[in-house]
Protein backbone atom coordinates (compact mmCIF):
# COMPACT_ATOMS: atom_id res chain seq x y z
CA GLN A 1 0.00 0.00 0.00
CA VAL A 2 1.12 3.48 -0.86
CA GLN A 3 -0.03 6.44 1.17
CA LEU A 4 0.02 9.95 -0.22
CA VAL A 5 -0.50 13.12 1.77
CA GLU A 6 -0.97 16.45 0.01
CA SER A 7 -0.42 19.87 1.49
CA GLY A 8 0.03 23.45 0.37
CA GLY A 9 -3.41 24.35 -0.88
CA GLY A 10 -5.15 27.55 0.08
CA LEU A 11 -6.57 30.84 -1.09
CA VAL A 12 -4.64 32.87 -3.63
CA GLN A 13 -5.43 35.86 -5.80
CA PRO A 14 -5.46 35.60 -9.58
CA GLY A 15 -1.91 35.78 -10.85
CA GLY A 16 -0.55 34.44 -7.59
CA SER A 17 1.45 31.32 -6.83
CA LEU A 18 1.17 28.22 -4.69
CA ARG A 19 3.32 25.17 -4.21
CA LEU A 20 1.65 21.88 -3.51
CA SER A 21 3.47 19.00 -1.87
CA CYS A 22 2.73 15.30 -1.90
CA ALA A 23 4.56 13.13 0.60
CA ALA A 24 4.70 9.45 -0.23
CA SER A 25 5.07 6.60 2.26
CA GLY A 26 8.36 5.28 1.03
CA ASN A 27 10.76 5.47 -1.87
CA ILE A 28 8.38 4.75 -4.72
CA PHE A 29 9.47 7.15 -7.42
CA ARG A 30 11.64 4.62 -9.23
CA ILE A 31 8.66 2.42 -9.98
CA PHE A 32 5.69 4.79 -9.88
CA ASP A 33 4.74 7.60 -12.19
CA MET A 34 3.51 10.53 -10.11
CA GLY A 35 0.82 12.94 -11.13
CA TRP A 36 -1.25 15.89 -10.03
CA TYR A 37 -4.92 15.98 -10.94
CA ARG A 38 -7.64 18.48 -10.21
CA GLN A 39 -11.37 18.21 -9.92
CA VAL A 40 -14.29 20.58 -9.59
CA PRO A 41 -17.73 19.45 -8.45
CA GLY A 42 -19.69 17.74 -11.17
CA LYS A 43 -16.73 17.27 -13.46
CA GLU A 44 -14.16 14.58 -14.09
CA ARG A 45 -10.78 14.56 -12.48
CA ASP A 46 -8.27 15.94 -14.97
CA LEU A 47 -4.56 15.37 -15.20
CA VAL A 48 -2.60 18.58 -14.69
CA ALA A 49 1.00 17.41 -14.65
CA ALA A 50 2.92 14.18 -14.27
CA ILE A 51 6.45 12.95 -13.88
CA THR A 52 7.45 9.48 -14.95
CA SER A 53 9.51 7.07 -12.90
CA GLY A 54 12.36 8.05 -15.20
CA GLY A 55 11.96 11.70 -14.31
CA MET A 56 10.28 12.95 -17.48
CA PRO A 57 7.68 15.66 -16.82
CA ASN A 58 4.64 16.40 -18.91
CA TYR A 59 1.83 18.92 -18.63
CA ARG A 60 -1.60 19.65 -19.93
CA ASP A 61 -1.42 22.43 -22.49
CA SER A 62 -3.21 25.01 -20.39
CA VAL A 63 -0.59 24.95 -17.62
CA LYS A 64 2.58 24.72 -19.66
CA ASP A 65 5.06 27.48 -18.83
CA ARG A 66 3.18 28.24 -15.59
CA PHE A 67 3.28 25.00 -13.59
CA THR A 68 6.29 22.89 -12.73
CA ILE A 69 6.25 19.36 -11.36
CA SER A 70 9.31 18.11 -9.55
CA ARG A 71 10.30 15.47 -7.05
CA ASP A 72 12.75 15.08 -4.21
CA THR A 73 13.68 11.44 -3.88
CA ALA A 74 15.44 11.99 -0.57
CA LYS A 75 12.22 13.33 0.92
CA ASN A 76 9.84 11.04 -1.02
CA THR A 77 7.95 14.17 -2.01
CA VAL A 78 6.51 15.45 -5.26
CA TYR A 79 5.81 19.13 -5.78
CA LEU A 80 3.65 21.19 -8.05
CA GLN A 81 4.71 24.80 -8.36
CA MET A 82 1.82 26.81 -9.73
CA ASN A 83 2.38 30.33 -11.00
CA SER A 84 0.06 32.88 -12.61
CA LEU A 85 -2.98 31.08 -11.27
CA LYS A 86 -6.33 31.72 -12.89
CA LEU A 87 -9.81 31.87 -11.44
CA GLU A 88 -10.86 28.77 -13.35
CA GLU A 89 -8.11 26.74 -11.72
CA THR A 90 -10.00 26.65 -8.46
CA ALA A 91 -10.35 22.96 -7.67
CA VAL A 92 -9.38 20.16 -5.36
CA TYR A 93 -5.93 18.99 -6.35
CA TYR A 94 -5.04 15.32 -5.92
CA CYS A 95 -1.75 13.53 -5.94
CA ASN A 96 -1.60 10.20 -7.75
CA ALA A 97 0.88 7.35 -7.86
CA HIS A 98 0.54 5.04 -10.85
CA LYS A 99 2.35 1.82 -11.68
CA TRP A 100 1.93 -0.04 -14.93
CA GLY A 101 1.50 -3.78 -14.48
CA ALA A 102 1.46 -6.76 -16.80
CA TRP A 103 -1.92 -7.84 -15.42
CA ARG A 104 -3.24 -4.80 -13.68
CA ASN A 105 -2.17 -1.28 -12.98
CA GLU A 106 -1.95 0.19 -9.51
CA ASP A 107 -3.27 3.59 -8.56
CA TYR A 108 -3.11 5.37 -5.24
CA TRP A 109 -4.59 8.74 -4.37
CA GLY A 110 -4.13 11.33 -1.71
CA GLN A 111 -7.00 12.96 0.10
CA GLY A 112 -6.81 16.15 -1.96
CA THR A 113 -6.03 19.74 -1.15
CA GLN A 114 -8.27 22.68 -1.98
CA VAL A 115 -6.92 25.47 -4.15
CA THR A 116 -9.10 28.54 -4.39
CA VAL A 117 -8.21 31.34 -6.78
CA SER A 118 -10.24 34.40 -5.96
CA SER A 119 -9.94 38.15 -5.72
């Protein structure tokens, strides 16, 4: 079992910045891809950014050049630096750990952290 604990959410004005953290229960980054998703009520959970077990980041188009995903293997923590935040990016942000398997994949989720962008 993998446990993920997010932190760093809060209230920020449009154009502001936040850094989210996701602490994992153990050194999993070599075998798990890590991702940040966000969800608003009534809508699906969308992938925002991810980093593969090999360290390759990727982003949804709308956050490129504003968000940065990174990881600290010594601290078993993944970060999402969010700059120039927009009103429409208000959501609950979730950390995900994903492992591809021959028979089944594994997915673990954190409890989520609320990000509110408001003036």
